[in-house]
N, C-alpha and C. Protein backbone atom coordinates (compact mmCIF):
# COMPACT_ATOMS: atom_id res chain seq x y z
N MET A 1 -6.58 -28.09 -20.44
CA MET A 1 -5.86 -28.83 -19.44
C MET A 1 -6.78 -29.87 -18.77
N ASN A 2 -6.10 -30.99 -18.34
CA ASN A 2 -6.86 -32.00 -17.58
C ASN A 2 -6.67 -31.79 -16.10
N LEU A 3 -7.45 -32.54 -15.31
CA LEU A 3 -7.41 -32.43 -13.88
C LEU A 3 -6.08 -32.50 -13.22
N SER A 4 -5.27 -33.48 -13.74
CA SER A 4 -4.04 -33.73 -13.09
C SER A 4 -3.06 -32.53 -13.35
N GLU A 5 -3.19 -31.88 -14.42
CA GLU A 5 -2.34 -30.70 -14.72
C GLU A 5 -2.65 -29.55 -13.78
N TYR A 6 -4.01 -29.28 -13.56
CA TYR A 6 -4.38 -28.30 -12.53
C TYR A 6 -3.90 -28.68 -11.13
N GLU A 7 -3.94 -30.00 -10.79
CA GLU A 7 -3.43 -30.45 -9.55
C GLU A 7 -1.98 -30.19 -9.40
N GLN A 8 -1.19 -30.39 -10.49
CA GLN A 8 0.23 -30.17 -10.43
C GLN A 8 0.53 -28.72 -10.19
N ILE A 9 -0.21 -27.78 -10.90
CA ILE A 9 -0.01 -26.32 -10.73
C ILE A 9 -0.32 -26.01 -9.22
N LEU A 10 -1.45 -26.50 -8.73
CA LEU A 10 -1.78 -26.18 -7.37
C LEU A 10 -0.65 -26.72 -6.38
N LYS A 11 -0.14 -27.90 -6.67
CA LYS A 11 0.88 -28.42 -5.85
C LYS A 11 2.14 -27.57 -5.86
N GLN A 12 2.51 -27.00 -7.04
CA GLN A 12 3.64 -26.10 -7.13
C GLN A 12 3.46 -24.87 -6.31
N ILE A 13 2.27 -24.42 -6.23
CA ILE A 13 1.94 -23.21 -5.43
C ILE A 13 2.04 -23.54 -4.00
N LEU A 14 1.57 -24.68 -3.60
CA LEU A 14 1.69 -25.14 -2.21
C LEU A 14 3.16 -25.25 -1.78
N LYS A 15 4.01 -25.81 -2.75
CA LYS A 15 5.33 -26.00 -2.47
C LYS A 15 6.04 -24.62 -2.20
N GLN A 16 5.64 -23.64 -2.96
CA GLN A 16 6.18 -22.25 -2.76
C GLN A 16 5.77 -21.80 -1.38
N ILE A 17 4.51 -21.98 -0.96
CA ILE A 17 4.05 -21.57 0.31
C ILE A 17 4.82 -22.28 1.42
N VAL A 18 4.89 -23.50 1.39
CA VAL A 18 5.56 -24.34 2.41
C VAL A 18 7.05 -23.90 2.56
N SER A 19 7.71 -23.65 1.44
CA SER A 19 9.17 -23.39 1.50
C SER A 19 9.48 -21.90 1.62
N SER A 20 8.42 -21.07 1.85
CA SER A 20 8.69 -19.66 1.88
C SER A 20 9.30 -19.10 3.18
N THR A 21 9.15 -19.85 4.28
CA THR A 21 9.71 -19.38 5.50
C THR A 21 9.82 -20.57 6.48
N PRO A 22 10.74 -20.55 7.41
CA PRO A 22 10.71 -21.63 8.41
C PRO A 22 9.44 -21.57 9.29
N GLY A 23 9.06 -22.68 9.76
CA GLY A 23 7.84 -22.78 10.61
C GLY A 23 6.58 -23.18 9.87
N LEU A 24 6.57 -23.15 8.50
CA LEU A 24 5.42 -23.63 7.79
C LEU A 24 5.65 -25.13 7.53
N ARG A 25 4.79 -25.96 7.94
CA ARG A 25 4.92 -27.40 7.85
C ARG A 25 4.15 -28.01 6.73
N HIS A 26 2.90 -27.71 6.60
CA HIS A 26 1.99 -28.36 5.66
C HIS A 26 1.05 -27.28 5.02
N ALA A 27 0.61 -27.48 3.77
CA ALA A 27 -0.35 -26.67 3.17
C ALA A 27 -1.28 -27.65 2.34
N ILE A 28 -2.59 -27.46 2.55
CA ILE A 28 -3.61 -28.34 1.99
C ILE A 28 -4.66 -27.51 1.35
N ILE A 29 -5.08 -27.96 0.21
CA ILE A 29 -6.22 -27.41 -0.50
C ILE A 29 -7.33 -28.40 -0.45
N ILE A 30 -8.47 -27.96 0.14
CA ILE A 30 -9.64 -28.86 0.18
C ILE A 30 -10.83 -28.23 -0.50
N ASP A 31 -11.74 -29.00 -0.99
CA ASP A 31 -12.98 -28.50 -1.50
C ASP A 31 -13.99 -28.12 -0.50
N GLU A 32 -15.11 -27.58 -0.83
CA GLU A 32 -16.12 -27.18 0.19
C GLU A 32 -16.62 -28.30 1.02
N ALA A 33 -16.49 -29.60 0.55
CA ALA A 33 -16.96 -30.70 1.30
C ALA A 33 -15.94 -31.21 2.23
N GLY A 34 -14.71 -30.72 2.19
CA GLY A 34 -13.63 -31.19 3.08
C GLY A 34 -12.80 -32.28 2.43
N ILE A 35 -12.97 -32.52 1.11
CA ILE A 35 -12.18 -33.55 0.48
C ILE A 35 -10.77 -32.90 0.00
N THR A 36 -9.76 -33.51 0.30
CA THR A 36 -8.42 -33.00 -0.05
C THR A 36 -8.24 -33.08 -1.59
N ILE A 37 -7.87 -31.90 -2.19
CA ILE A 37 -7.56 -31.90 -3.62
C ILE A 37 -6.11 -32.06 -3.80
N THR A 38 -5.23 -31.38 -3.04
CA THR A 38 -3.76 -31.66 -3.06
C THR A 38 -3.16 -31.05 -1.88
N SER A 39 -1.96 -31.43 -1.63
CA SER A 39 -1.26 -30.96 -0.46
C SER A 39 0.30 -31.02 -0.64
N GLU A 40 0.96 -30.30 0.18
CA GLU A 40 2.41 -30.31 0.16
C GLU A 40 2.91 -30.26 1.65
N SER A 41 3.89 -30.95 1.98
CA SER A 41 4.43 -30.98 3.29
C SER A 41 5.91 -30.97 3.33
N LYS A 42 6.49 -30.31 4.31
CA LYS A 42 7.95 -30.38 4.58
C LYS A 42 8.26 -31.69 5.28
N PHE A 43 7.39 -32.18 6.05
CA PHE A 43 7.54 -33.36 6.87
C PHE A 43 6.39 -34.26 6.70
N SER A 44 6.58 -35.53 6.78
CA SER A 44 5.48 -36.48 6.58
C SER A 44 4.89 -36.87 7.95
N PHE A 45 3.55 -37.17 7.93
CA PHE A 45 3.00 -37.65 9.05
C PHE A 45 3.31 -39.12 9.21
N THR A 46 3.50 -39.53 10.46
CA THR A 46 3.93 -40.94 10.70
C THR A 46 2.73 -41.83 10.74
N ALA A 47 2.79 -43.00 10.13
CA ALA A 47 1.69 -43.90 10.13
C ALA A 47 1.25 -44.36 11.49
N ASP A 48 2.20 -44.47 12.49
CA ASP A 48 1.82 -45.00 13.82
C ASP A 48 1.00 -43.99 14.62
N LYS A 49 0.98 -42.73 14.19
CA LYS A 49 0.14 -41.75 14.85
C LYS A 49 -1.29 -41.75 14.21
N ASN A 50 -1.52 -42.56 13.20
CA ASN A 50 -2.87 -42.74 12.59
C ASN A 50 -3.37 -41.37 12.14
N VAL A 51 -2.50 -40.47 11.57
CA VAL A 51 -2.87 -39.24 11.07
C VAL A 51 -2.56 -39.17 9.58
N SER A 52 -3.42 -38.53 8.81
CA SER A 52 -3.21 -38.43 7.43
C SER A 52 -3.61 -36.99 6.97
N ILE A 53 -3.11 -36.55 5.86
CA ILE A 53 -3.52 -35.32 5.25
C ILE A 53 -4.99 -35.27 5.04
N GLU A 54 -5.55 -36.37 4.54
CA GLU A 54 -6.96 -36.44 4.23
C GLU A 54 -7.85 -36.17 5.46
N LYS A 55 -7.39 -36.74 6.65
CA LYS A 55 -8.15 -36.52 7.85
C LYS A 55 -8.05 -35.05 8.31
N ILE A 56 -6.81 -34.52 8.19
CA ILE A 56 -6.66 -33.13 8.57
C ILE A 56 -7.45 -32.21 7.64
N GLY A 57 -7.48 -32.50 6.39
CA GLY A 57 -8.26 -31.70 5.39
C GLY A 57 -9.81 -31.76 5.74
N ALA A 58 -10.30 -32.96 6.07
CA ALA A 58 -11.70 -33.14 6.34
C ALA A 58 -12.10 -32.43 7.65
N ILE A 59 -11.27 -32.51 8.69
CA ILE A 59 -11.52 -31.84 9.90
C ILE A 59 -11.34 -30.35 9.70
N GLY A 60 -10.36 -29.85 8.95
CA GLY A 60 -10.16 -28.42 8.58
C GLY A 60 -11.40 -27.84 7.89
N GLY A 61 -11.93 -28.61 6.99
CA GLY A 61 -13.17 -28.21 6.22
C GLY A 61 -14.34 -28.05 7.17
N ALA A 62 -14.50 -28.98 8.04
CA ALA A 62 -15.67 -28.97 9.00
C ALA A 62 -15.54 -27.76 9.98
N VAL A 63 -14.35 -27.60 10.45
CA VAL A 63 -14.04 -26.42 11.36
C VAL A 63 -14.27 -25.09 10.68
N PHE A 64 -13.81 -24.97 9.46
CA PHE A 64 -13.96 -23.79 8.65
C PHE A 64 -15.48 -23.54 8.37
N THR A 65 -16.15 -24.58 8.00
CA THR A 65 -17.66 -24.41 7.81
C THR A 65 -18.36 -23.96 9.03
N ALA A 66 -17.97 -24.59 10.13
CA ALA A 66 -18.59 -24.14 11.38
C ALA A 66 -18.37 -22.65 11.73
N GLY A 67 -17.08 -22.26 11.46
CA GLY A 67 -16.77 -20.88 11.67
C GLY A 67 -17.54 -19.99 10.76
N GLU A 68 -17.70 -20.34 9.53
CA GLU A 68 -18.51 -19.53 8.59
C GLU A 68 -19.97 -19.31 9.09
N GLU A 69 -20.54 -20.49 9.56
CA GLU A 69 -21.84 -20.43 10.04
C GLU A 69 -21.96 -19.51 11.32
N GLN A 70 -20.94 -19.66 12.18
CA GLN A 70 -20.92 -18.77 13.35
C GLN A 70 -20.91 -17.32 13.00
N GLY A 71 -20.16 -17.03 11.99
CA GLY A 71 -20.09 -15.60 11.52
C GLY A 71 -21.38 -15.13 10.95
N TYR A 72 -22.16 -15.99 10.26
CA TYR A 72 -23.45 -15.62 9.73
C TYR A 72 -24.39 -15.36 10.86
N ILE A 73 -24.45 -16.26 11.83
CA ILE A 73 -25.35 -16.12 12.98
C ILE A 73 -25.09 -14.87 13.72
N LEU A 74 -23.77 -14.48 13.87
CA LEU A 74 -23.44 -13.24 14.60
C LEU A 74 -23.66 -12.02 13.81
N GLY A 75 -23.84 -12.21 12.50
CA GLY A 75 -24.08 -11.01 11.56
C GLY A 75 -22.70 -10.42 11.19
N TYR A 76 -21.55 -11.19 11.32
CA TYR A 76 -20.25 -10.64 10.96
C TYR A 76 -19.97 -10.80 9.49
N GLY A 77 -20.70 -11.56 8.73
CA GLY A 77 -20.50 -11.75 7.31
C GLY A 77 -19.58 -12.83 7.00
N ASN A 78 -18.85 -12.86 5.87
CA ASN A 78 -18.03 -13.87 5.40
C ASN A 78 -16.79 -13.99 6.27
N ILE A 79 -16.31 -15.18 6.38
CA ILE A 79 -15.06 -15.45 7.10
C ILE A 79 -13.89 -15.03 6.31
N ASP A 80 -13.00 -14.22 6.89
CA ASP A 80 -11.77 -13.76 6.22
C ASP A 80 -10.64 -14.70 6.32
N LEU A 81 -10.30 -15.06 7.61
CA LEU A 81 -9.25 -15.97 7.90
C LEU A 81 -9.56 -16.59 9.28
N GLN A 82 -9.33 -17.84 9.31
CA GLN A 82 -9.60 -18.60 10.60
C GLN A 82 -8.17 -19.05 11.12
N ILE A 83 -7.97 -18.84 12.38
CA ILE A 83 -6.71 -19.21 12.96
C ILE A 83 -7.03 -20.07 14.23
N THR A 84 -6.50 -21.30 14.27
CA THR A 84 -6.71 -22.08 15.46
C THR A 84 -5.29 -22.29 16.07
N GLU A 85 -5.21 -21.91 17.32
CA GLU A 85 -3.93 -21.94 17.99
C GLU A 85 -3.85 -23.11 19.01
N TYR A 86 -2.92 -23.99 18.89
CA TYR A 86 -2.69 -25.11 19.82
C TYR A 86 -1.47 -24.91 20.65
N ASP A 87 -1.21 -25.72 21.57
CA ASP A 87 0.00 -25.68 22.40
C ASP A 87 1.26 -25.71 21.56
N LYS A 88 1.30 -26.50 20.50
CA LYS A 88 2.50 -26.73 19.71
C LYS A 88 2.47 -26.19 18.27
N GLY A 89 1.35 -25.53 17.91
CA GLY A 89 1.30 -25.06 16.56
C GLY A 89 0.03 -24.28 16.24
N LEU A 90 -0.07 -23.90 15.02
CA LEU A 90 -1.32 -23.19 14.49
C LEU A 90 -1.77 -23.76 13.19
N VAL A 91 -3.07 -23.61 13.00
CA VAL A 91 -3.73 -23.98 11.68
C VAL A 91 -4.42 -22.74 11.23
N PHE A 92 -4.04 -22.23 10.05
CA PHE A 92 -4.68 -21.15 9.41
C PHE A 92 -5.59 -21.74 8.28
N ALA A 93 -6.79 -21.18 8.10
CA ALA A 93 -7.67 -21.58 7.04
C ALA A 93 -8.28 -20.33 6.39
N GLY A 94 -8.17 -20.30 4.98
CA GLY A 94 -8.79 -19.20 4.31
C GLY A 94 -9.51 -19.67 3.13
N LYS A 95 -10.61 -18.97 2.79
CA LYS A 95 -11.43 -19.29 1.59
C LYS A 95 -10.64 -18.97 0.34
N VAL A 96 -10.67 -19.93 -0.61
CA VAL A 96 -10.05 -19.66 -1.86
C VAL A 96 -11.00 -20.14 -2.97
N GLY A 97 -11.93 -19.26 -3.42
CA GLY A 97 -12.94 -19.70 -4.39
C GLY A 97 -13.86 -20.72 -3.76
N LYS A 98 -13.90 -21.88 -4.45
CA LYS A 98 -14.73 -22.96 -4.08
C LYS A 98 -14.01 -23.94 -3.13
N GLY A 99 -12.91 -23.48 -2.52
CA GLY A 99 -12.14 -24.41 -1.68
C GLY A 99 -11.64 -23.63 -0.51
N VAL A 100 -10.78 -24.33 0.33
CA VAL A 100 -10.21 -23.69 1.45
C VAL A 100 -8.76 -24.11 1.39
N LEU A 101 -7.86 -23.11 1.75
CA LEU A 101 -6.47 -23.34 1.86
C LEU A 101 -6.11 -23.40 3.41
N CYS A 102 -5.58 -24.57 3.80
CA CYS A 102 -5.13 -24.73 5.22
C CYS A 102 -3.68 -24.75 5.24
N VAL A 103 -3.07 -23.93 6.16
CA VAL A 103 -1.64 -23.89 6.33
C VAL A 103 -1.38 -24.25 7.76
N ILE A 104 -0.55 -25.24 7.94
CA ILE A 104 -0.28 -25.72 9.29
C ILE A 104 1.22 -25.37 9.60
N THR A 105 1.36 -24.73 10.82
CA THR A 105 2.67 -24.21 11.20
C THR A 105 3.02 -24.51 12.53
N ASP A 106 4.41 -24.31 12.81
CA ASP A 106 4.90 -24.34 14.23
C ASP A 106 4.35 -23.21 15.05
N LYS A 107 4.56 -23.27 16.31
CA LYS A 107 4.00 -22.27 17.21
C LYS A 107 4.68 -20.95 17.06
N ASN A 108 5.97 -20.92 16.66
CA ASN A 108 6.72 -19.62 16.65
C ASN A 108 6.63 -18.89 15.26
N VAL A 109 5.77 -19.28 14.42
CA VAL A 109 5.76 -18.61 13.11
C VAL A 109 5.12 -17.21 13.25
N GLN A 110 5.50 -16.34 12.27
CA GLN A 110 4.93 -14.99 12.36
C GLN A 110 3.51 -14.95 11.67
N ILE A 111 2.53 -14.67 12.51
CA ILE A 111 1.17 -14.82 12.11
C ILE A 111 0.87 -13.81 10.94
N GLY A 112 1.41 -12.61 10.98
CA GLY A 112 1.15 -11.65 9.90
C GLY A 112 1.74 -12.14 8.57
N TYR A 113 2.89 -12.84 8.68
CA TYR A 113 3.51 -13.38 7.40
C TYR A 113 2.58 -14.46 6.83
N VAL A 114 2.14 -15.37 7.61
CA VAL A 114 1.24 -16.39 7.11
C VAL A 114 -0.07 -15.84 6.48
N ARG A 115 -0.59 -14.82 7.21
CA ARG A 115 -1.76 -14.11 6.67
C ARG A 115 -1.52 -13.54 5.26
N THR A 116 -0.38 -12.89 5.15
CA THR A 116 -0.02 -12.29 3.88
C THR A 116 0.15 -13.34 2.82
N ILE A 117 0.73 -14.46 3.12
CA ILE A 117 0.93 -15.54 2.16
C ILE A 117 -0.38 -16.05 1.68
N ILE A 118 -1.36 -16.21 2.56
CA ILE A 118 -2.67 -16.73 2.20
C ILE A 118 -3.35 -15.68 1.31
N LYS A 119 -3.28 -14.43 1.70
CA LYS A 119 -3.86 -13.33 0.86
C LYS A 119 -3.26 -13.21 -0.54
N ARG A 120 -1.89 -13.46 -0.58
CA ARG A 120 -1.12 -13.27 -1.82
C ARG A 120 -1.46 -14.45 -2.79
N PHE A 121 -1.49 -15.67 -2.29
CA PHE A 121 -1.72 -16.81 -3.21
C PHE A 121 -3.20 -17.13 -3.29
N GLY A 122 -4.05 -16.60 -2.50
CA GLY A 122 -5.55 -16.91 -2.51
C GLY A 122 -6.15 -16.71 -3.91
N PRO A 123 -6.05 -15.52 -4.46
CA PRO A 123 -6.69 -15.23 -5.78
C PRO A 123 -6.20 -16.26 -6.91
N LYS A 124 -4.88 -16.57 -6.92
CA LYS A 124 -4.33 -17.47 -7.96
C LYS A 124 -4.94 -18.84 -7.72
N ILE A 125 -4.96 -19.27 -6.48
CA ILE A 125 -5.49 -20.60 -6.19
C ILE A 125 -6.94 -20.63 -6.55
N SER A 126 -7.67 -19.58 -6.17
CA SER A 126 -9.10 -19.57 -6.48
C SER A 126 -9.36 -19.63 -8.06
N HIS A 127 -8.62 -18.93 -8.75
CA HIS A 127 -8.73 -19.01 -10.27
C HIS A 127 -8.48 -20.40 -10.81
N ILE A 128 -7.47 -21.01 -10.33
CA ILE A 128 -7.12 -22.38 -10.80
C ILE A 128 -8.13 -23.36 -10.36
N LEU A 129 -8.68 -23.19 -9.09
CA LEU A 129 -9.73 -24.10 -8.62
C LEU A 129 -11.00 -24.00 -9.45
N ASN A 130 -11.35 -22.80 -9.86
CA ASN A 130 -12.51 -22.62 -10.72
C ASN A 130 -12.36 -23.42 -12.04
N LYS A 131 -11.15 -23.27 -12.67
CA LYS A 131 -10.86 -24.06 -13.84
C LYS A 131 -10.90 -25.58 -13.55
N TYR A 132 -10.35 -25.95 -12.43
CA TYR A 132 -10.28 -27.41 -12.00
C TYR A 132 -11.72 -27.94 -11.92
N PHE A 133 -12.59 -27.21 -11.20
CA PHE A 133 -13.96 -27.73 -11.04
C PHE A 133 -14.73 -27.70 -12.36
N GLU A 134 -14.50 -26.73 -13.22
CA GLU A 134 -15.12 -26.75 -14.55
C GLU A 134 -14.71 -27.96 -15.32
N THR A 135 -13.37 -28.22 -15.34
CA THR A 135 -12.84 -29.52 -16.02
C THR A 135 -13.42 -30.73 -15.37
N GLU A 136 -13.49 -30.80 -14.05
CA GLU A 136 -14.08 -31.87 -13.35
C GLU A 136 -15.48 -32.15 -13.73
N LYS A 137 -16.29 -31.08 -13.82
CA LYS A 137 -17.70 -31.18 -14.18
C LYS A 137 -17.84 -31.72 -15.63
N GLU A 138 -16.92 -31.12 -16.55
CA GLU A 138 -17.02 -31.54 -17.93
C GLU A 138 -16.68 -33.02 -18.07
N SER A 139 -15.69 -33.47 -17.33
CA SER A 139 -15.23 -34.89 -17.32
C SER A 139 -16.34 -35.80 -16.76
N LEU A 140 -17.04 -35.32 -15.76
CA LEU A 140 -18.11 -36.15 -15.19
C LEU A 140 -19.29 -36.15 -16.26
N ASP A 141 -19.58 -35.11 -16.79
CA ASP A 141 -20.71 -35.02 -17.81
C ASP A 141 -20.36 -35.98 -18.95
N GLU A 142 -19.10 -35.96 -19.42
CA GLU A 142 -18.70 -36.85 -20.52
C GLU A 142 -18.83 -38.35 -20.09
N ASN A 143 -18.45 -38.69 -18.91
CA ASN A 143 -18.47 -40.02 -18.49
C ASN A 143 -19.94 -40.45 -18.27
N LEU A 144 -20.89 -39.56 -17.83
CA LEU A 144 -22.29 -39.87 -17.75
C LEU A 144 -22.86 -40.07 -19.15
N LYS A 145 -22.47 -39.25 -20.13
CA LYS A 145 -22.98 -39.42 -21.46
C LYS A 145 -22.54 -40.82 -22.02
N LYS A 146 -21.30 -41.19 -21.74
CA LYS A 146 -20.84 -42.55 -22.17
C LYS A 146 -21.64 -43.61 -21.49
N LEU A 147 -21.88 -43.49 -20.20
CA LEU A 147 -22.65 -44.50 -19.45
C LEU A 147 -24.07 -44.60 -19.95
N ILE A 148 -24.67 -43.46 -20.32
CA ILE A 148 -26.09 -43.53 -20.79
C ILE A 148 -26.07 -44.09 -22.19
N GLY A 149 -25.10 -43.73 -22.98
CA GLY A 149 -24.96 -44.23 -24.31
C GLY A 149 -24.85 -45.75 -24.38
N THR A 150 -24.35 -46.40 -23.34
CA THR A 150 -24.23 -47.79 -23.30
C THR A 150 -25.42 -48.56 -22.72
N ASP A 151 -26.50 -47.74 -22.54
CA ASP A 151 -27.74 -48.34 -21.96
C ASP A 151 -28.45 -49.21 -23.06
N HIS A 152 -28.14 -50.43 -23.13
CA HIS A 152 -28.74 -51.30 -24.14
C HIS A 152 -30.15 -51.76 -23.82
N LEU A 153 -30.54 -51.55 -22.53
CA LEU A 153 -31.90 -51.97 -22.21
C LEU A 153 -32.95 -50.84 -22.39
N GLY A 154 -32.53 -49.79 -22.62
CA GLY A 154 -33.47 -48.60 -22.86
C GLY A 154 -34.10 -47.97 -21.65
N PHE A 155 -33.50 -48.26 -20.43
CA PHE A 155 -34.15 -47.72 -19.26
C PHE A 155 -33.86 -46.17 -19.18
N LEU A 156 -32.77 -45.67 -19.73
CA LEU A 156 -32.49 -44.29 -19.47
C LEU A 156 -32.78 -43.47 -20.76
């Protein structure tokens, strides 16, 4: 499979998550660096608010990483699930292999249900992400080989 096929599978999973119950608004998969891999939303962000899924993913990744570090410092071990509660909604973040699944919800969502959804889909997303990153590395290695093979000056 190529990268876009893995992204399509991940997008289908996110679509299942977002459409599983009222109150779920957005689902984002980000890598460990906070770069958005794919996302699915019931509603679009408006351009006039200067908000984008990529920004939300990057911030979500930074907050998740900070929470992981806090857990290590406290001796609590690995983070299981991170929930940030705001006046008008919640952001859930859970580790899925080499990535993070962020689920953004309304305020009145059932927290236990969202937790269950993340736990249910987490292993499948983790497995697909592992394949995705393997394919990405192979693609990068192939492109580097091509680049080096075109070195006519002999520097490399």
